Protein backbone atom coordinates (compact mmCIF):
# COMPACT_ATOMS: atom_id res chain seq x y z
CA UNK A 1 13.17 -22.74 30.14
CA UNK A 2 12.41 -19.03 30.75
CA UNK A 3 13.68 -16.31 28.64
CA UNK A 4 15.16 -13.42 31.04
CA UNK A 5 16.21 -11.20 28.37
CA UNK A 6 14.68 -7.47 28.92
CA UNK A 7 12.43 -6.51 26.05
CA UNK A 8 14.21 -2.77 25.60
CA UNK A 9 17.71 -3.39 24.24
CA UNK A 10 15.84 -6.57 21.78
CA UNK A 11 13.38 -3.58 20.91
CA UNK A 12 16.16 -0.65 19.81
CA UNK A 13 17.93 -3.55 17.77
CA UNK A 14 15.26 -4.21 15.91
CA UNK A 15 14.00 -0.59 15.35
CA UNK A 16 17.58 1.12 14.48
CA UNK A 17 19.79 -1.96 13.76
CA UNK A 18 17.04 -4.56 11.79
CA UNK A 19 14.52 -1.92 10.09
CA UNK A 20 17.02 1.18 9.57
CA UNK A 21 19.75 -0.13 8.89
CA UNK A 22 19.29 -3.59 7.43
CA UNK A 23 16.12 -3.21 6.06
CA UNK A 24 16.25 0.77 5.32
CA UNK A 25 12.35 0.75 5.49
CA UNK A 26 10.31 3.31 4.98
CA UNK A 27 9.33 6.49 7.69
CA UNK A 28 5.46 5.14 7.66
CA UNK A 29 6.65 1.71 8.30
CA UNK A 30 8.54 2.28 11.26
CA UNK A 31 5.70 4.86 12.59
CA UNK A 32 3.31 1.73 12.22
CA UNK A 33 5.48 -0.55 14.11
CA UNK A 34 6.53 1.89 16.85
CA UNK A 35 2.64 2.33 17.36
CA UNK A 36 2.45 -1.33 17.49
CA UNK A 37 4.54 -1.68 20.28
CA UNK A 38 3.08 0.94 22.31
CA UNK A 39 -0.21 -0.42 22.24
CA UNK A 40 1.17 -4.09 23.02
CA UNK A 41 3.36 -2.61 25.90
CA UNK A 42 0.51 -0.48 27.73
CA UNK A 43 -1.62 -3.04 27.40
CA UNK A 44 1.15 -5.51 29.06
CA UNK A 45 1.59 -3.18 31.74
CA UNK A 46 -1.71 -3.04 32.38
CA UNK A 47 -2.04 -6.62 32.62
CA UNK A 48 1.33 -7.47 34.69
CA UNK A 49 1.70 -4.18 36.30
CA UNK A 50 4.97 -4.40 35.03
CA UNK A 51 6.64 -0.99 33.31
CA UNK A 52 8.12 -1.49 30.02
CA UNK A 53 11.93 -0.59 30.90
CA UNK A 54 11.59 -3.35 33.08
CA UNK A 55 9.86 -6.10 30.95
CA UNK A 56 11.54 -9.51 30.30
CA UNK A 57 10.63 -11.02 26.84
CA UNK A 58 9.13 -14.12 28.53
CA UNK A 59 6.39 -12.05 29.52
CA UNK A 60 5.32 -11.37 25.81
CA UNK A 61 4.29 -15.44 25.45
CA UNK A 62 1.39 -16.60 22.74
CA UNK A 63 -0.98 -15.90 25.20
CA UNK A 64 -0.49 -12.65 25.98
CA UNK A 65 -0.27 -11.89 22.18
CA UNK A 66 -3.82 -13.28 21.73
CA UNK A 67 -5.13 -11.52 24.41
CA UNK A 68 -3.70 -8.66 23.42
CA UNK A 69 -5.11 -9.48 19.41
CA UNK A 70 -8.92 -9.76 21.10
CA UNK A 71 -8.03 -6.58 22.52
CA UNK A 72 -7.90 -4.49 19.61
CA UNK A 73 -10.91 -6.20 18.00
CA UNK A 74 -13.36 -5.89 21.30
CA UNK A 75 -12.03 -2.92 22.79
CA UNK A 76 -10.25 -0.72 20.14
CA UNK A 77 -13.03 -2.05 17.25
CA UNK A 78 -10.24 -2.68 15.18
CA UNK A 79 -10.60 -4.32 11.92
CA UNK A 80 -9.37 -7.75 11.10
CA UNK A 81 -7.23 -5.91 8.53
CA UNK A 82 -5.78 -3.89 11.29
CA UNK A 83 -5.29 -6.45 13.77
CA UNK A 84 -3.50 -8.45 11.22
CA UNK A 85 -1.20 -5.30 10.44
CA UNK A 86 -0.66 -5.32 13.83
CA UNK A 87 0.31 -8.81 14.37
CA UNK A 88 2.32 -8.58 11.06
CA UNK A 89 4.65 -5.97 13.01
CA UNK A 90 4.66 -8.53 16.15
CA UNK A 91 5.69 -11.34 13.90
CA UNK A 92 8.39 -9.35 12.16
CA UNK A 93 10.13 -8.50 15.82
CA UNK A 94 9.87 -12.14 17.07
CA UNK A 95 11.77 -13.22 13.72
CA UNK A 96 14.78 -10.62 14.86
CA UNK A 97 14.57 -12.00 18.81
CA UNK A 98 14.76 -15.83 17.11
CA UNK A 99 17.95 -14.42 15.54
CA UNK A 100 19.86 -12.57 17.95
CA UNK A 101 18.70 -14.32 21.43
CA UNK A 102 18.86 -17.87 20.86
CA UNK A 103 17.37 -18.72 24.45
CA UNK A 104 14.14 -16.72 22.86
CA UNK A 105 13.91 -19.18 20.25
CA UNK A 106 11.09 -21.62 21.70
CA UNK A 107 8.97 -18.07 22.48
CA UNK A 108 9.58 -16.84 18.91
CA UNK A 109 8.47 -19.97 17.28
CA UNK A 110 4.90 -19.75 19.50
CA UNK A 111 4.00 -16.63 18.58
CA UNK A 112 5.01 -17.04 15.17
CA UNK A 113 2.70 -19.76 14.80
CA UNK A 114 -0.17 -17.07 15.86
CA UNK A 115 -2.17 -16.73 12.63
CA UNK A 116 -3.50 -14.19 10.48
CA UNK A 117 -7.24 -13.48 10.43
CA UNK A 118 -8.95 -13.88 7.12
CA UNK A 119 -10.76 -11.39 5.82
CA UNK A 120 -12.40 -10.33 3.06
CA UNK A 121 -10.78 -9.62 0.33
CA UNK A 122 -12.86 -6.39 -2.00
CA UNK A 123 -12.75 -5.31 -5.72
CA UNK A 124 -10.15 -2.63 -6.03
CA UNK A 125 -11.62 0.84 -7.21
CA UNK A 126 -10.22 2.44 -10.17
CA UNK A 127 -11.72 5.86 -12.71
CA UNK A 128 -13.10 5.43 -15.72
CA UNK A 129 -11.07 7.39 -18.77
CA UNK A 130 -13.78 9.88 -18.25
CA UNK A 131 -13.89 10.60 -14.92
CA UNK A 132 -10.01 10.58 -14.74
CA UNK A 133 -9.81 13.22 -17.40
CA UNK A 134 -12.24 15.41 -15.25
CA UNK A 135 -9.91 15.13 -11.82
CA UNK A 136 -6.72 16.25 -14.04
CA UNK A 137 -8.79 19.34 -16.00
CA UNK A 138 -10.27 20.60 -12.88
CA UNK A 139 -7.54 22.50 -11.39
CA UNK A 140 -7.45 25.93 -11.96
CA UNK A 141 -4.18 26.35 -14.51
CA UNK A 142 -5.00 30.26 -14.36
CA UNK A 143 -3.25 30.23 -11.19
CA UNK A 144 0.31 28.88 -9.72
CA UNK A 145 -1.19 26.05 -7.09
CA UNK A 146 -3.85 24.89 -10.28
CA UNK A 147 -0.31 24.82 -12.53
CA UNK A 148 1.11 22.92 -9.59
CA UNK A 149 -1.65 20.88 -8.82
CA UNK A 150 -2.18 19.57 -12.83
CA UNK A 151 1.27 18.55 -13.10
CA UNK A 152 1.25 16.83 -9.99
CA UNK A 153 -2.01 14.96 -10.59
CA UNK A 154 -0.99 14.15 -14.14
CA UNK A 155 2.29 12.92 -12.93
CA UNK A 156 0.44 10.29 -10.71
CA UNK A 157 -1.81 9.37 -13.04
CA UNK A 158 1.40 8.52 -15.83
CA UNK A 159 3.46 7.25 -13.35
CA UNK A 160 0.89 4.82 -10.70
CA UNK A 161 3.11 6.23 -8.08
CA UNK A 162 2.70 6.46 -4.20
CA UNK A 163 1.86 9.09 -2.49
CA UNK A 164 5.20 8.79 -0.92
CA UNK A 165 6.91 8.94 -3.85
CA UNK A 166 4.86 11.83 -5.21
CA UNK A 167 6.06 13.89 -2.30
CA UNK A 168 9.63 12.94 -2.18
CA UNK A 169 10.18 13.32 -5.70
CA UNK A 170 12.82 15.62 -6.79
CA UNK A 171 13.38 17.84 -10.26
CA UNK A 172 16.37 16.03 -11.02
CA UNK A 173 14.66 12.19 -10.89
CA UNK A 174 12.86 13.93 -14.05
CA UNK A 175 14.71 13.14 -17.20
CA UNK A 176 13.83 14.88 -20.43
CA UNK A 177 14.87 14.50 -24.01
CA UNK A 178 13.93 11.82 -26.50
CA UNK A 179 12.54 9.46 -24.38
CA UNK A 180 11.56 11.35 -21.19
CA UNK A 181 11.34 9.41 -18.20
CA UNK A 182 10.95 9.48 -14.45
CA UNK A 183 13.13 7.67 -11.61
CA UNK A 184 11.39 6.55 -9.06
CA UNK A 185 12.53 5.43 -5.53
CA UNK A 186 10.31 2.51 -4.12
CA UNK A 187 9.10 0.39 -1.06
CA UNK A 188 12.46 -1.35 -0.40
CA UNK A 189 14.49 1.37 -1.70
CA UNK A 190 13.75 -0.49 -5.35
CA UNK A 191 14.31 2.28 -8.21
CA UNK A 192 12.19 1.76 -11.52
CA UNK A 193 11.91 4.04 -14.20
CA UNK A 194 8.52 4.92 -16.06
CA UNK A 195 8.72 6.56 -19.40
CA UNK A 196 6.48 9.80 -19.49
CA UNK A 197 3.31 10.50 -21.98
CA UNK A 198 4.31 13.73 -24.20
CA UNK A 199 1.60 15.84 -23.03
CA UNK A 200 3.42 14.85 -19.48
CA UNK A 201 6.78 15.78 -20.45
CA UNK A 202 5.79 18.84 -21.73
CA UNK A 203 3.81 20.47 -18.43
CA UNK A 204 6.65 18.75 -16.15
CA UNK A 205 9.18 21.18 -18.16
CA UNK A 206 7.01 24.36 -18.22
CA UNK A 207 6.21 23.66 -14.38
CA UNK A 208 10.02 23.09 -13.51
CA UNK A 209 10.69 25.87 -15.48
CA UNK A 210 8.03 28.19 -13.43
CA UNK A 211 10.13 27.19 -10.30
CA UNK A 212 13.60 28.03 -11.06
CA UNK A 213 12.92 31.32 -9.50
CA UNK A 214 12.35 29.45 -6.13
CA UNK A 215 15.59 27.42 -5.95
CA UNK A 216 13.88 24.48 -4.60
CA UNK A 217 14.57 20.98 -5.88
CA UNK A 218 11.17 19.88 -5.26
CA UNK A 219 9.08 18.87 -7.76
CA UNK A 220 6.07 19.81 -6.32
CA UNK A 221 6.88 21.78 -3.10
CA UNK A 222 4.01 23.71 -1.32
CA UNK A 223 3.51 27.53 -1.62
CA UNK A 224 6.22 27.95 1.02
CA UNK A 225 8.43 25.72 -0.73
CA UNK A 226 8.61 22.76 1.33
CA UNK A 227 7.82 19.08 0.92
CA UNK A 228 4.03 18.46 0.61
CA UNK A 229 2.40 16.14 3.39
CA UNK A 230 0.12 12.79 2.34
CA UNK A 231 -2.78 15.25 3.64
CA UNK A 232 -1.27 17.55 1.46
CA UNK A 233 -2.01 15.61 -1.81
CA UNK A 234 -5.11 14.18 -0.70
CA UNK A 235 -6.63 17.59 0.21
CA UNK A 236 -5.29 18.60 -3.42
CA UNK A 237 -7.11 15.62 -5.20
CA UNK A 238 -10.40 15.74 -3.29
CA UNK A 239 -10.22 19.30 -4.04
CA UNK A 240 -10.08 18.39 -7.65
CA UNK A 241 -13.07 15.90 -7.59
CA UNK A 242 -15.15 18.20 -5.70
CA UNK A 243 -14.55 20.79 -9.20
CA UNK A 244 -14.74 18.10 -11.54
CA UNK A 245 -18.25 16.52 -9.59
CA UNK A 246 -20.34 19.58 -11.24
CA UNK A 247 -20.14 18.63 -15.28
CA UNK A 248 -19.06 14.73 -14.60
CA UNK A 249 -21.74 13.51 -12.23
CA UNK A 250 -20.02 9.88 -12.14
CA UNK A 251 -17.46 11.08 -9.59
CA UNK A 252 -19.99 11.89 -6.90
CA UNK A 253 -20.26 9.72 -3.86
CA UNK A 254 -16.92 8.06 -5.20
CA UNK A 255 -14.66 7.84 -1.97
CA UNK A 256 -11.41 8.78 -3.96
CA UNK A 257 -8.09 8.46 -2.53
CA UNK A 258 -4.62 9.17 -3.99
CA UNK A 259 -4.52 5.67 -4.12
CA UNK A 260 -7.47 4.86 -6.36
CA UNK A 261 -5.42 7.28 -8.66
CA UNK A 262 -2.49 4.25 -9.05
CA UNK A 263 -5.54 1.81 -9.38
CA UNK A 264 -6.77 3.76 -12.36
CA UNK A 265 -3.42 3.85 -13.67
CA UNK A 266 -3.04 -0.38 -13.58
CA UNK A 267 -6.32 -0.27 -14.70
CA UNK A 268 -6.02 1.17 -17.72
CA UNK A 269 -2.77 -0.22 -18.63
CA UNK A 270 -4.18 -3.85 -18.32
CA UNK A 271 -7.30 -2.35 -20.44
CA UNK A 272 -4.82 -1.27 -22.71
CA UNK A 273 -3.53 -4.94 -23.51
CA UNK A 274 -0.08 -4.08 -21.59
CA UNK A 275 0.72 -7.80 -20.16
CA UNK A 276 0.65 -7.80 -16.43
CA UNK A 277 3.98 -8.56 -15.64
CA UNK A 278 4.84 -4.95 -16.92
CA UNK A 279 2.27 -3.52 -14.75
CA UNK A 280 4.02 -4.96 -12.40
CA UNK A 281 7.56 -3.46 -13.41
CA UNK A 282 5.81 -0.14 -13.67
CA UNK A 283 3.83 0.10 -10.31
CA UNK A 284 6.79 -1.50 -8.08
CA UNK A 285 5.24 -4.38 -7.15
CA UNK A 286 7.65 -7.12 -6.01
CA UNK A 287 5.67 -9.85 -6.92
CA UNK A 288 3.53 -10.41 -9.90
CA UNK A 289 0.49 -11.90 -7.64
CA UNK A 290 0.01 -8.32 -6.00
CA UNK A 291 -0.87 -7.03 -9.82
CA UNK A 292 -3.11 -9.70 -10.03
CA UNK A 293 -6.16 -7.94 -7.88
CA UNK A 294 -6.50 -5.63 -11.19
CA UNK A 295 -7.33 -8.97 -13.30
CA UNK A 296 -9.55 -9.80 -11.05
CA UNK A 297 -11.64 -6.58 -10.88
CA UNK A 298 -11.35 -5.46 -14.57
CA UNK A 299 -14.43 -6.71 -16.00
CA UNK A 300 -13.54 -5.74 -19.84
CA UNK A 301 -10.59 -8.33 -19.24
CA UNK A 302 -13.47 -11.15 -18.34
CA UNK A 303 -15.66 -10.24 -20.90
CA UNK A 304 -13.28 -10.77 -23.59
CA UNK A 305 -12.04 -14.22 -22.10
CA UNK A 306 -16.03 -15.31 -22.03
CA UNK A 307 -16.15 -14.40 -25.70
CA UNK A 308 -13.23 -16.66 -26.34
CA UNK A 309 -15.12 -19.56 -24.38
CA UNK A 310 -17.71 -21.81 -26.75
CA UNK A 311 -20.82 -22.57 -24.93
CA UNK A 312 -21.02 -26.74 -24.63
CA UNK A 313 -24.34 -28.03 -25.83
CA UNK A 314 -23.70 -31.13 -23.61
CA UNK A 315 -25.43 -31.50 -20.20
CA UNK A 316 -22.78 -31.86 -17.52
CA UNK A 317 -23.14 -35.18 -15.53
CA UNK A 318 -24.07 -35.07 -11.54
CA UNK A 319 -20.97 -36.96 -9.42
CA UNK A 320 -23.20 -40.06 -8.29
CA UNK A 321 -20.85 -41.73 -4.94
CA UNK A 322 -20.61 -45.59 -5.69
CA UNK A 323 -18.75 -45.86 -2.01
CA UNK A 324 -20.28 -45.73 1.68
CA UNK A 325 -16.91 -43.06 1.90
CA UNK A 326 -17.99 -41.20 -0.80
CA UNK A 327 -21.31 -40.94 0.29
CA UNK A 328 -20.90 -39.32 3.78
CA UNK A 329 -18.44 -36.90 1.75
CA UNK A 330 -20.83 -35.71 -0.77
CA UNK A 331 -23.20 -35.11 2.77
CA UNK A 332 -21.32 -32.51 3.71
């Protein structure tokens, strides 16, 4: 049975009702999904000569989706990771389609069966304690901007916060007292509280006192009193890394993004013996499997495990197949 539902109302319901009203996804997720469907609808229009406003959901069957994914890699030179991110957005849409348009369940099932490509799993990168200390000390604290940058970078390292969490941070989210802490709002509107080191609390208290005359509620405003952008935070970090590289050669040539600072927080917590489940809560990970990548990347943890493993003196025996079927499998 050919599905005839127009795609326009389905897309509108997906973005407005499902993503924003039901799931409360971040603006970054909305932008990523929006760009996916812009590319997809443009691709389908070029292939079928049908404008998106006249397109029916039946035109987005598995073969055209597969052609679109191939187009991303072959003509737009997207990496497999980017291709998988576009496919994830399409899968999310068709799960919505299956729920609200029963006529399209068969179509949705075929699209949802399209697998993601396997990609290389790279080890996460982090900085050593000497390197992160050099970066934190780099801003010129005799200047207003330098004091802001130092407070911002120190807070990022203390909390392991995402860039979106740092740029949106309000002064009211920081609590001082016997145990200073920051309340962060992460992905999926999940709130978590992170304790602050005494040094971080002292720096933030002094910085917020300096902001009193600006009448802004933002923790780390721009020089115009507005919220910093992602690029603004990255620029602050790159300036600090550039300054620190002159007396910390280990930083030279490294690609250090704000997310590397987050990785550094996790790596140093792990090296300090903090349980991985606590680190997952610290970073706001929904699944502990996400946090497991830090164990894979941390050589010191592996070395400690190796020290506990006593070497065996026995020579391992080789498997010798005693059956023709086993012999066949052994040859593969």
